[in-house]
PDB file of N, CA and C in Angstrom:
ATOM      1  N   MET A   1       6.817   3.270  -4.550  1.00  0.00           N
ATOM      2  CA  MET A   1       5.873   2.193  -4.413  1.00  0.00           C
ATOM      3  C   MET A   1       6.385   1.227  -3.353  1.00  0.00           C
ATOM      4  N   PRO A   2       5.556   0.902  -2.376  1.00  0.00           N
ATOM      5  CA  PRO A   2       5.976  -0.072  -1.361  1.00  0.00           C
ATOM      6  C   PRO A   2       6.185  -1.473  -1.959  1.00  0.00           C
ATOM      7  N   TRP A   3       7.246  -2.134  -1.520  1.00  0.00           N
ATOM      8  CA  TRP A   3       7.535  -3.492  -1.984  1.00  0.00           C
ATOM      9  C   TRP A   3       6.316  -4.418  -1.898  1.00  0.00           C
ATOM     10  N   PRO A   4       5.588  -4.418  -0.775  1.00  0.00           N
ATOM     11  CA  PRO A   4       4.441  -5.327  -0.704  1.00  0.00           C
ATOM     12  C   PRO A   4       3.403  -5.073  -1.790  1.00  0.00           C
ATOM     13  N   VAL A   5       3.256  -3.833  -2.216  1.00  0.00           N
ATOM     14  CA  VAL A   5       2.296  -3.519  -3.283  1.00  0.00           C
ATOM     15  C   VAL A   5       2.805  -4.045  -4.621  1.00  0.00           C
ATOM     16  N   PHE A   6       4.096  -3.918  -4.861  1.00  0.00           N
ATOM     17  CA  PHE A   6       4.687  -4.462  -6.093  1.00  0.00           C
ATOM     18  C   PHE A   6       4.402  -5.961  -6.191  1.00  0.00           C
ATOM     19  N   VAL A   7       4.628  -6.671  -5.095  1.00  0.00           N
ATOM     20  CA  VAL A   7       4.376  -8.121  -5.079  1.00  0.00           C
ATOM     21  C   VAL A   7       2.894  -8.409  -5.309  1.00  0.00           C
ATOM     22  N   GLU A   8       2.020  -7.632  -4.665  1.00  0.00           N
ATOM     23  CA  GLU A   8       0.581  -7.835  -4.812  1.00  0.00           C
ATOM     24  C   GLU A   8       0.125  -7.581  -6.257  1.00  0.00           C
ATOM     25  N   VAL A   9       0.640  -6.536  -6.875  1.00  0.00           N
ATOM     26  CA  VAL A   9       0.288  -6.227  -8.270  1.00  0.00           C
ATOM     27  C   VAL A   9       0.776  -7.345  -9.193  1.00  0.00           C
ATOM     28  N   ASP A  10       1.997  -7.806  -8.966  1.00  0.00           N
ATOM     29  CA  ASP A  10       2.533  -8.895  -9.781  1.00  0.00           C
ATOM     30  C   ASP A  10       1.657 -10.143  -9.674  1.00  0.00           C
ATOM     31  N   LEU A  11       1.295 -10.517  -8.450  1.00  0.00           N
ATOM     32  CA  LEU A  11       0.451 -11.703  -8.251  1.00  0.00           C
ATOM     33  C   LEU A  11      -0.919 -11.537  -8.906  1.00  0.00           C
ATOM     34  N   LEU A  12      -1.486 -10.364  -8.777  1.00  0.00           N
ATOM     35  CA  LEU A  12      -2.796 -10.094  -9.372  1.00  0.00           C
ATOM     36  C   LEU A  12      -2.750 -10.178 -10.895  1.00  0.00           C
ATOM     37  N   LEU A  13      -1.756  -9.552 -11.491  1.00  0.00           N
ATOM     38  CA  LEU A  13      -1.631  -9.604 -12.951  1.00  0.00           C
ATOM     39  C   LEU A  13      -1.430 -11.035 -13.447  1.00  0.00           C
ATOM     40  N   ARG A  14      -0.548 -11.772 -12.804  1.00  0.00           N
ATOM     41  CA  ARG A  14      -0.282 -13.155 -13.222  1.00  0.00           C
ATOM     42  C   ARG A  14      -1.505 -14.048 -13.021  1.00  0.00           C
ATOM     43  N   ALA A  15      -2.243 -13.847 -11.934  1.00  0.00           N
ATOM     44  CA  ALA A  15      -3.432 -14.654 -11.665  1.00  0.00           C
ATOM     45  C   ALA A  15      -4.511 -14.425 -12.722  1.00  0.00           C
ATOM     46  N   ARG A  16      -4.491 -13.266 -13.347  1.00  0.00           N
ATOM     47  CA  ARG A  16      -5.485 -12.945 -14.377  1.00  0.00           C
ATOM     48  C   ARG A  16      -4.959 -13.155 -15.787  1.00  0.00           C
ATOM     49  N   GLY A  17      -3.805 -13.860 -15.882  1.00  0.00           N
ATOM     50  CA  GLY A  17      -3.265 -14.226 -17.181  1.00  0.00           C
ATOM     51  C   GLY A  17      -2.461 -13.148 -17.886  1.00  0.00           C
ATOM     52  N   HIS A  18      -1.976 -12.182 -17.134  1.00  0.00           N
ATOM     53  CA  HIS A  18      -1.241 -11.066 -17.740  1.00  0.00           C
ATOM     54  C   HIS A  18       0.233 -11.099 -17.339  1.00  0.00           C
ATOM     55  N   GLN A  19       0.893 -12.219 -17.659  1.00  0.00           N
ATOM     56  CA  GLN A  19       2.293 -12.384 -17.294  1.00  0.00           C
ATOM     57  C   GLN A  19       3.176 -11.306 -17.925  1.00  0.00           C
ATOM     58  N   ALA A  20       2.927 -10.993 -19.186  1.00  0.00           N
ATOM     59  CA  ALA A  20       3.745  -9.973 -19.867  1.00  0.00           C
ATOM     60  C   ALA A  20       3.582  -8.615 -19.197  1.00  0.00           C
ATOM     61  N   ALA A  21       2.376  -8.284 -18.781  1.00  0.00           N
ATOM     62  CA  ALA A  21       2.141  -7.011 -18.096  1.00  0.00           C
ATOM     63  C   ALA A  21       2.863  -6.978 -16.751  1.00  0.00           C
ATOM     64  N   ALA A  22       2.908  -8.119 -16.077  1.00  0.00           N
ATOM     65  CA  ALA A  22       3.615  -8.183 -14.794  1.00  0.00           C
ATOM     66  C   ALA A  22       5.104  -7.889 -14.998  1.00  0.00           C
ATOM     67  N   VAL A  23       5.682  -8.471 -16.037  1.00  0.00           N
ATOM     68  CA  VAL A  23       7.099  -8.223 -16.330  1.00  0.00           C
ATOM     69  C   VAL A  23       7.307  -6.767 -16.752  1.00  0.00           C
ATOM     70  N   THR A  24       6.407  -6.239 -17.572  1.00  0.00           N
ATOM     71  CA  THR A  24       6.504  -4.842 -18.006  1.00  0.00           C
ATOM     72  C   THR A  24       6.450  -3.905 -16.798  1.00  0.00           C
ATOM     73  N   PHE A  25       5.552  -4.195 -15.870  1.00  0.00           N
ATOM     74  CA  PHE A  25       5.428  -3.388 -14.662  1.00  0.00           C
ATOM     75  C   PHE A  25       6.725  -3.444 -13.853  1.00  0.00           C
ATOM     76  N   GLY A  26       7.270  -4.636 -13.680  1.00  0.00           N
ATOM     77  CA  GLY A  26       8.532  -4.790 -12.954  1.00  0.00           C
ATOM     78  C   GLY A  26       9.674  -4.053 -13.629  1.00  0.00           C
ATOM     79  N   ARG A  27       9.723  -4.110 -14.938  1.00  0.00           N
ATOM     80  CA  ARG A  27      10.778  -3.399 -15.680  1.00  0.00           C
ATOM     81  C   ARG A  27      10.620  -1.885 -15.567  1.00  0.00           C
ATOM     82  N   ALA A  28       9.385  -1.414 -15.517  1.00  0.00           N
ATOM     83  CA  ALA A  28       9.155   0.021 -15.333  1.00  0.00           C
ATOM     84  C   ALA A  28       9.713   0.478 -13.987  1.00  0.00           C
ATOM     85  N   LEU A  29       9.536  -0.352 -12.970  1.00  0.00           N
ATOM     86  CA  LEU A  29      10.123  -0.028 -11.662  1.00  0.00           C
ATOM     87  C   LEU A  29      11.645  -0.020 -11.749  1.00  0.00           C
ATOM     88  N   LEU A  30      12.184  -1.013 -12.429  1.00  0.00           N
ATOM     89  CA  LEU A  30      13.630  -1.106 -12.595  1.00  0.00           C
ATOM     90  C   LEU A  30      14.169   0.106 -13.350  1.00  0.00           C
ATOM     91  N   ASP A  31      13.393   0.609 -14.299  1.00  0.00           N
ATOM     92  CA  ASP A  31      13.798   1.775 -15.097  1.00  0.00           C
ATOM     93  C   ASP A  31      13.585   3.097 -14.369  1.00  0.00           C
ATOM     94  N   GLY A  32      13.042   3.061 -13.164  1.00  0.00           N
ATOM     95  CA  GLY A  32      12.893   4.268 -12.376  1.00  0.00           C
ATOM     96  C   GLY A  32      11.600   5.029 -12.573  1.00  0.00           C
ATOM     97  N   VAL A  33      10.602   4.411 -13.202  1.00  0.00           N
ATOM     98  CA  VAL A  33       9.311   5.082 -13.368  1.00  0.00           C
ATOM     99  C   VAL A  33       8.726   5.421 -11.997  1.00  0.00           C
ATOM    100  N   HIS A  34       8.861   4.498 -11.068  1.00  0.00           N
ATOM    101  CA  HIS A  34       8.500   4.716  -9.672  1.00  0.00           C
ATOM    102  C   HIS A  34       9.654   4.201  -8.822  1.00  0.00           C
ATOM    103  N   GLN A  35       9.770   4.707  -7.616  1.00  0.00           N
ATOM    104  CA  GLN A  35      10.818   4.253  -6.706  1.00  0.00           C
ATOM    105  C   GLN A  35      10.250   3.177  -5.785  1.00  0.00           C
ATOM    106  N   LEU A  36      10.948   2.055  -5.711  1.00  0.00           N
ATOM    107  CA  LEU A  36      10.530   0.955  -4.858  1.00  0.00           C
ATOM    108  C   LEU A  36      11.014   1.228  -3.431  1.00  0.00           C
ATOM    109  N   GLN A  37      10.099   1.111  -2.463  1.00  0.00           N
ATOM    110  CA  GLN A  37      10.414   1.388  -1.062  1.00  0.00           C
ATOM    111  C   GLN A  37      10.061   0.172  -0.211  1.00  0.00           C
ATOM    112  N   ALA A  38      10.940  -0.159   0.706  1.00  0.00           N
ATOM    113  CA  ALA A  38      10.672  -1.235   1.663  1.00  0.00           C
ATOM    114  C   ALA A  38      10.279  -0.617   2.994  1.00  0.00           C
ATOM    115  N   PRO A  39       9.365  -1.255   3.718  1.00  0.00           N
ATOM    116  CA  PRO A  39       9.068  -0.751   5.062  1.00  0.00           C
ATOM    117  C   PRO A  39      10.284  -0.951   5.967  1.00  0.00           C
ATOM    118  N   ASN A  40      10.553   0.038   6.828  1.00  0.00           N
ATOM    119  CA  ASN A  40      11.646  -0.133   7.791  1.00  0.00           C
ATOM    120  C   ASN A  40      11.118  -0.950   8.979  1.00  0.00           C
ATOM    121  N   ASP A  41      11.965  -1.194   9.957  1.00  0.00           N
ATOM    122  CA  ASP A  41      11.572  -2.035  11.091  1.00  0.00           C
ATOM    123  C   ASP A  41      10.379  -1.460  11.857  1.00  0.00           C
ATOM    124  N   ALA A  42      10.379  -0.156  12.090  1.00  0.00           N
ATOM    125  CA  ALA A  42       9.271   0.465  12.826  1.00  0.00           C
ATOM    126  C   ALA A  42       7.966   0.355  12.038  1.00  0.00           C
ATOM    127  N   GLU A  43       8.048   0.560  10.736  1.00  0.00           N
ATOM    128  CA  GLU A  43       6.856   0.463   9.882  1.00  0.00           C
ATOM    129  C   GLU A  43       6.323  -0.964   9.845  1.00  0.00           C
ATOM    130  N   LEU A  44       7.225  -1.928   9.713  1.00  0.00           N
ATOM    131  CA  LEU A  44       6.800  -3.330   9.718  1.00  0.00           C
ATOM    132  C   LEU A  44       6.193  -3.689  11.067  1.00  0.00           C
ATOM    133  N   GLY A  45       6.788  -3.201  12.143  1.00  0.00           N
ATOM    134  CA  GLY A  45       6.233  -3.460  13.476  1.00  0.00           C
ATOM    135  C   GLY A  45       4.821  -2.917  13.616  1.00  0.00           C
ATOM    136  N   LEU A  46       4.593  -1.694  13.137  1.00  0.00           N
ATOM    137  CA  LEU A  46       3.251  -1.122  13.185  1.00  0.00           C
ATOM    138  C   LEU A  46       2.291  -1.942  12.325  1.00  0.00           C
ATOM    139  N   ALA A  47       2.719  -2.349  11.127  1.00  0.00           N
ATOM    140  CA  ALA A  47       1.865  -3.161  10.255  1.00  0.00           C
ATOM    141  C   ALA A  47       1.448  -4.454  10.955  1.00  0.00           C
ATOM    142  N   LEU A  48       2.376  -5.091  11.638  1.00  0.00           N
ATOM    143  CA  LEU A  48       2.063  -6.339  12.343  1.00  0.00           C
ATOM    144  C   LEU A  48       1.178  -6.096  13.559  1.00  0.00           C
ATOM    145  N   ASP A  49       1.385  -4.975  14.253  1.00  0.00           N
ATOM    146  CA  ASP A  49       0.498  -4.618  15.367  1.00  0.00           C
ATOM    147  C   ASP A  49      -0.928  -4.403  14.861  1.00  0.00           C
ATOM    148  N   LEU A  50      -1.049  -3.707  13.738  1.00  0.00           N
ATOM    149  CA  LEU A  50      -2.374  -3.493  13.149  1.00  0.00           C
ATOM    150  C   LEU A  50      -2.990  -4.811  12.688  1.00  0.00           C
ATOM    151  N   ALA A  51      -2.153  -5.728  12.193  1.00  0.00           N
ATOM    152  CA  ALA A  51      -2.644  -7.049  11.764  1.00  0.00           C
ATOM    153  C   ALA A  51      -3.265  -7.790  12.950  1.00  0.00           C
ATOM    154  N   ASP A  52      -2.640  -7.693  14.116  1.00  0.00           N
ATOM    155  CA  ASP A  52      -3.208  -8.309  15.316  1.00  0.00           C
ATOM    156  C   ASP A  52      -4.530  -7.652  15.697  1.00  0.00           C
ATOM    157  N   ARG A  53      -4.541  -6.330  15.696  1.00  0.00           N
ATOM    158  CA  ARG A  53      -5.721  -5.580  16.134  1.00  0.00           C
ATOM    159  C   ARG A  53      -6.903  -5.749  15.186  1.00  0.00           C
ATOM    160  N   TYR A  54      -6.638  -5.876  13.897  1.00  0.00           N
ATOM    161  CA  TYR A  54      -7.711  -5.933  12.898  1.00  0.00           C
ATOM    162  C   TYR A  54      -7.770  -7.281  12.179  1.00  0.00           C
ATOM    163  N   ALA A  55      -7.425  -8.347  12.880  1.00  0.00           N
ATOM    164  CA  ALA A  55      -7.361  -9.686  12.288  1.00  0.00           C
ATOM    165  C   ALA A  55      -8.679 -10.128  11.675  1.00  0.00           C
ATOM    166  N   ASP A  56      -9.797  -9.681  12.214  1.00  0.00           N
ATOM    167  CA  ASP A  56     -11.103 -10.147  11.733  1.00  0.00           C
ATOM    168  C   ASP A  56     -11.667  -9.323  10.578  1.00  0.00           C
ATOM    169  N   THR A  57     -10.913  -8.351  10.067  1.00  0.00           N
ATOM    170  CA  THR A  57     -11.441  -7.489   9.004  1.00  0.00           C
ATOM    171  C   THR A  57     -11.107  -7.967   7.596  1.00  0.00           C
ATOM    172  N   GLY A  58     -10.137  -8.864   7.477  1.00  0.00           N
ATOM    173  CA  GLY A  58      -9.725  -9.325   6.151  1.00  0.00           C
ATOM    174  C   GLY A  58      -8.653  -8.463   5.513  1.00  0.00           C
ATOM    175  N   VAL A  59      -8.202  -7.422   6.207  1.00  0.00           N
ATOM    176  CA  VAL A  59      -7.147  -6.569   5.663  1.00  0.00           C
ATOM    177  C   VAL A  59      -5.846  -7.367   5.630  1.00  0.00           C
ATOM    178  N   ASP A  60      -5.073  -7.196   4.550  1.00  0.00           N
ATOM    179  CA  ASP A  60      -3.867  -8.015   4.377  1.00  0.00           C
ATOM    180  C   ASP A  60      -2.595  -7.213   4.643  1.00  0.00           C
ATOM    181  N   LEU A  61      -1.472  -7.932   4.716  1.00  0.00           N
ATOM    182  CA  LEU A  61      -0.194  -7.312   5.048  1.00  0.00           C
ATOM    183  C   LEU A  61       0.233  -6.250   4.036  1.00  0.00           C
ATOM    184  N   PRO A  62       0.025  -6.433   2.730  1.00  0.00           N
ATOM    185  CA  PRO A  62       0.378  -5.335   1.822  1.00  0.00           C
ATOM    186  C   PRO A  62      -0.356  -4.031   2.171  1.00  0.00           C
ATOM    187  N   ASP A  63      -1.663  -4.101   2.425  1.00  0.00           N
ATOM    188  CA  ASP A  63      -2.409  -2.892   2.797  1.00  0.00           C
ATOM    189  C   ASP A  63      -1.916  -2.331   4.122  1.00  0.00           C
ATOM    190  N   LEU A  64      -1.693  -3.194   5.101  1.00  0.00           N
ATOM    191  CA  LEU A  64      -1.228  -2.742   6.407  1.00  0.00           C
ATOM    192  C   LEU A  64       0.168  -2.119   6.321  1.00  0.00           C
ATOM    193  N   SER A  65       1.002  -2.657   5.448  1.00  0.00           N
ATOM    194  CA  SER A  65       2.338  -2.078   5.249  1.00  0.00           C
ATOM    195  C   SER A  65       2.238  -0.689   4.648  1.00  0.00           C
ATOM    196  N   VAL A  66       1.335  -0.519   3.687  1.00  0.00           N
ATOM    197  CA  VAL A  66       1.122   0.806   3.094  1.00  0.00           C
ATOM    198  C   VAL A  66       0.635   1.783   4.166  1.00  0.00           C
ATOM    199  N   MET A  67      -0.293   1.333   5.001  1.00  0.00           N
ATOM    200  CA  MET A  67      -0.798   2.193   6.069  1.00  0.00           C
ATOM    201  C   MET A  67       0.330   2.600   7.013  1.00  0.00           C
ATOM    202  N   ALA A  68       1.146   1.643   7.413  1.00  0.00           N
ATOM    203  CA  ALA A  68       2.239   1.934   8.342  1.00  0.00           C
ATOM    204  C   ALA A  68       3.257   2.876   7.705  1.00  0.00           C
ATOM    205  N   MET A  69       3.594   2.628   6.452  1.00  0.00           N
ATOM    206  CA  MET A  69       4.550   3.493   5.767  1.00  0.00           C
ATOM    207  C   MET A  69       3.973   4.903   5.624  1.00  0.00           C
ATOM    208  N   ALA A  70       2.690   5.000   5.314  1.00  0.00           N
ATOM    209  CA  ALA A  70       2.043   6.312   5.187  1.00  0.00           C
ATOM    210  C   ALA A  70       2.039   7.042   6.525  1.00  0.00           C
ATOM    211  N   ALA A  71       1.797   6.311   7.602  1.00  0.00           N
ATOM    212  CA  ALA A  71       1.766   6.931   8.925  1.00  0.00           C
ATOM    213  C   ALA A  71       3.130   7.507   9.295  1.00  0.00           C
ATOM    214  N   PHE A  72       4.175   6.721   9.125  1.00  0.00           N
ATOM    215  CA  PHE A  72       5.514   7.176   9.500  1.00  0.00           C
ATOM    216  C   PHE A  72       6.048   8.245   8.557  1.00  0.00           C
ATOM    217  N   ARG A  73       5.673   8.168   7.290  1.00  0.00           N
ATOM    218  CA  ARG A  73       6.217   9.102   6.295  1.00  0.00           C
ATOM    219  C   ARG A  73       5.280  10.274   6.011  1.00  0.00           C
ATOM    220  N   ARG A  74       4.150  10.292   6.726  1.00  0.00           N
ATOM    221  CA  ARG A  74       3.135  11.336   6.526  1.00  0.00           C
ATOM    222  C   ARG A  74       2.798  11.475   5.045  1.00  0.00           C
ATOM    223  N   ALA A  75       2.469  10.355   4.440  1.00  0.00           N
ATOM    224  CA  ALA A  75       2.208  10.289   3.005  1.00  0.00           C
ATOM    225  C   ALA A  75       0.732  10.030   2.718  1.00  0.00           C
ATOM    226  N   TRP A  76       0.301  10.430   1.553  1.00  0.00           N
ATOM    227  CA  TRP A  76      -1.027  10.122   1.058  1.00  0.00           C
ATOM    228  C   TRP A  76      -1.026   8.691   0.539  1.00  0.00           C
ATOM    229  N   VAL A  77      -2.213   8.074   0.482  1.00  0.00           N
ATOM    230  CA  VAL A  77      -2.361   6.703  -0.003  1.00  0.00           C
ATOM    231  C   VAL A  77      -3.209   6.728  -1.267  1.00  0.00           C
ATOM    232  N   LEU A  78      -2.665   6.174  -2.338  1.00  0.00           N
ATOM    233  CA  LEU A  78      -3.388   6.039  -3.599  1.00  0.00           C
ATOM    234  C   LEU A  78      -3.994   4.641  -3.627  1.00  0.00           C
ATOM    235  N   THR A  79      -5.323   4.546  -3.550  1.00  0.00           N
ATOM    236  CA  THR A  79      -5.980   3.237  -3.475  1.00  0.00           C
ATOM    237  C   THR A  79      -7.428   3.320  -3.919  1.00  0.00           C
ATOM    238  N   TRP A  80      -7.960   2.185  -4.331  1.00  0.00           N
ATOM    239  CA  TRP A  80      -9.396   2.037  -4.572  1.00  0.00           C
ATOM    240  C   TRP A  80     -10.020   1.192  -3.456  1.00  0.00           C
ATOM    241  N   ASP A  81      -9.185   0.707  -2.552  1.00  0.00           N
ATOM    242  CA  ASP A  81      -9.618  -0.183  -1.475  1.00  0.00           C
ATOM    243  C   ASP A  81     -10.050   0.626  -0.258  1.00  0.00           C
ATOM    244  N   HIS A  82     -11.086   1.402  -0.403  1.00  0.00           N
ATOM    245  CA  HIS A  82     -11.528   2.248   0.702  1.00  0.00           C
ATOM    246  C   HIS A  82     -12.091   1.430   1.861  1.00  0.00           C
ATOM    247  N   ARG A  83     -12.639   0.260   1.580  1.00  0.00           N
ATOM    248  CA  ARG A  83     -13.212  -0.564   2.653  1.00  0.00           C
ATOM    249  C   ARG A  83     -12.158  -0.891   3.702  1.00  0.00           C
ATOM    250  N   HIS A  84     -11.002  -1.406   3.287  1.00  0.00           N
ATOM    251  CA  HIS A  84      -9.966  -1.756   4.254  1.00  0.00           C
ATOM    252  C   HIS A  84      -9.306  -0.517   4.849  1.00  0.00           C
ATOM    253  N   PHE A  85      -9.071   0.491   4.023  1.00  0.00           N
ATOM    254  CA  PHE A  85      -8.388   1.673   4.529  1.00  0.00           C
ATOM    255  C   PHE A  85      -9.275   2.530   5.427  1.00  0.00           C
ATOM    256  N   ARG A  86     -10.575   2.329   5.372  1.00  0.00           N
ATOM    257  CA  ARG A  86     -11.469   3.030   6.293  1.00  0.00           C
ATOM    258  C   ARG A  86     -11.756   2.207   7.550  1.00  0.00           C
ATOM    259  N   SER A  87     -11.490   0.908   7.500  1.00  0.00           N
ATOM    260  CA  SER A  87     -11.780   0.070   8.672  1.00  0.00           C
ATOM    261  C   SER A  87     -10.631   0.043   9.674  1.00  0.00           C
ATOM    262  N   VAL A  88      -9.451   0.485   9.278  1.00  0.00           N
ATOM    263  CA  VAL A  88      -8.276   0.452  10.147  1.00  0.00           C
ATOM    264  C   VAL A  88      -7.910   1.885  10.535  1.00  0.00           C
ATOM    265  N   VAL A  89      -7.787   2.127  11.830  1.00  0.00           N
ATOM    266  CA  VAL A  89      -7.375   3.447  12.317  1.00  0.00           C
ATOM    267  C   VAL A  89      -6.243   3.283  13.320  1.00  0.00           C
ATOM    268  N   LEU A  90      -5.410   4.297  13.414  1.00  0.00           N
ATOM    269  CA  LEU A  90      -4.309   4.265  14.382  1.00  0.00           C
ATOM    270  C   LEU A  90      -4.798   4.631  15.778  1.00  0.00           C
ATOM    271  N   ARG A  91      -5.740   5.561  15.832  1.00  0.00           N
ATOM    272  CA  ARG A  91      -6.276   6.034  17.103  1.00  0.00           C
ATOM    273  C   ARG A  91      -7.644   6.647  16.841  1.00  0.00           C
ATOM    274  N   ARG A  92      -8.367   6.903  17.871  1.00  0.00           N
ATOM    275  CA  ARG A  92      -9.700   7.502  17.752  1.00  0.00           C
ATOM    276  C   ARG A  92      -9.628   8.813  16.962  1.00  0.00           C
ATOM    277  N   GLY A  93     -10.505   8.972  15.987  1.00  0.00           N
ATOM    278  CA  GLY A  93     -10.542  10.176  15.175  1.00  0.00           C
ATOM    279  C   GLY A  93      -9.572  10.180  14.009  1.00  0.00           C
ATOM    280  N   HIS A  94      -8.733   9.147  13.898  1.00  0.00           N
ATOM    281  CA  HIS A  94      -7.758   9.078  12.811  1.00  0.00           C
ATOM    282  C   HIS A  94      -8.428   8.630  11.513  1.00  0.00           C
ATOM    283  N   HIS A  95      -7.923   9.115  10.407  1.00  0.00           N
ATOM    284  CA  HIS A  95      -8.305   8.602   9.090  1.00  0.00           C
ATOM    285  C   HIS A  95      -7.093   8.687   8.174  1.00  0.00           C
ATOM    286  N   TRP A  96      -7.091   7.873   7.142  1.00  0.00           N
ATOM    287  CA  TRP A  96      -6.011   7.884   6.157  1.00  0.00           C
ATOM    288  C   TRP A  96      -6.345   8.917   5.090  1.00  0.00           C
ATOM    289  N   ASP A  97      -5.344   9.642   4.620  1.00  0.00           N
ATOM    290  CA  ASP A  97      -5.524  10.561   3.511  1.00  0.00           C
ATOM    291  C   ASP A  97      -5.480   9.735   2.228  1.00  0.00           C
ATOM    292  N   LEU A  98      -6.666   9.483   1.654  1.00  0.00           N
ATOM    293  CA  LEU A  98      -6.787   8.600   0.499  1.00  0.00           C
ATOM    294  C   LEU A  98      -6.999   9.389  -0.786  1.00  0.00           C
ATOM    295  N   LEU A  99      -6.391   8.881  -1.845  1.00  0.00           N
ATOM    296  CA  LEU A  99      -6.569   9.414  -3.192  1.00  0.00           C
ATOM    297  C   LEU A  99      -7.070   8.298  -4.089  1.00  0.00           C
ATOM    298  N   VAL A 100      -7.838   8.650  -5.098  1.00  0.00           N
ATOM    299  CA  VAL A 100      -8.254   7.666  -6.087  1.00  0.00           C
ATOM    300  C   VAL A 100      -7.388   7.803  -7.339  1.00  0.00           C
ATOM    301  N   GLU A 101      -6.853   8.992  -7.585  1.00  0.00           N
ATOM    302  CA  GLU A 101      -5.936   9.195  -8.704  1.00  0.00           C
ATOM    303  C   GLU A 101      -4.907  10.249  -8.334  1.00  0.00           C
ATOM    304  N   GLU A 102      -3.739  10.163  -8.975  1.00  0.00           N
ATOM    305  CA  GLU A 102      -2.631  11.047  -8.642  1.00  0.00           C
ATOM    306  C   GLU A 102      -2.976  12.526  -8.810  1.00  0.00           C
ATOM    307  N   ALA A 103      -3.871  12.846  -9.729  1.00  0.00           N
ATOM    308  CA  ALA A 103      -4.239  14.231  -9.974  1.00  0.00           C
ATOM    309  C   ALA A 103      -4.867  14.892  -8.756  1.00  0.00           C
ATOM    310  N   GLU A 104      -5.318  14.096  -7.794  1.00  0.00           N
ATOM    311  CA  GLU A 104      -5.931  14.631  -6.582  1.00  0.00           C
ATOM    312  C   GLU A 104      -4.910  15.090  -5.539  1.00  0.00           C
ATOM    313  N   LEU A 105      -3.635  14.795  -5.761  1.00  0.00           N
ATOM    314  CA  LEU A 105      -2.607  15.200  -4.797  1.00  0.00           C
ATOM    315  C   LEU A 105      -2.623  16.717  -4.631  1.00  0.00           C
ATOM    316  N   PRO A 106      -2.582  17.179  -3.393  1.00  0.00           N
ATOM    317  CA  PRO A 106      -2.521  18.622  -3.178  1.00  0.00           C
ATOM    318  C   PRO A 106      -1.195  19.187  -3.692  1.00  0.00           C
ATOM    319  N   GLU A 107      -1.238  20.403  -4.164  1.00  0.00           N
ATOM    320  CA  GLU A 107      -0.010  21.071  -4.614  1.00  0.00           C
ATOM    321  C   GLU A 107       0.857  21.351  -3.404  1.00  0.00           C
ATOM    322  N   ALA A 108       2.163  21.147  -3.558  1.00  0.00           N
ATOM    323  CA  ALA A 108       3.090  21.379  -2.426  1.00  0.00           C
ATOM    324  C   ALA A 108       3.366  22.841  -2.224  1.00  0.00           C
TER     325      ALA A 108
END
């Protein structure tokens, strides 16, 4: 799980009055349920470049960081935010490989 997404989930849960769930989620990460990943310098640079290019779309840094990390790591993106992930492209003809649930992941 990208660090920016962890922060976004925590803020969302707390804003909706679910402080205990936010702590439970954080502890699950600490217990290794998912691996926490930080964007490297190249990924952060791409996220910021995309932020400049798509400033008028409302897409935020957590989403852009996920996009950059997915691009560099050739990873699928698990999201319900298709509006932002479809509005940002790296180049003409590009699209993000999006999933709505983990069960949709292709078999390796």
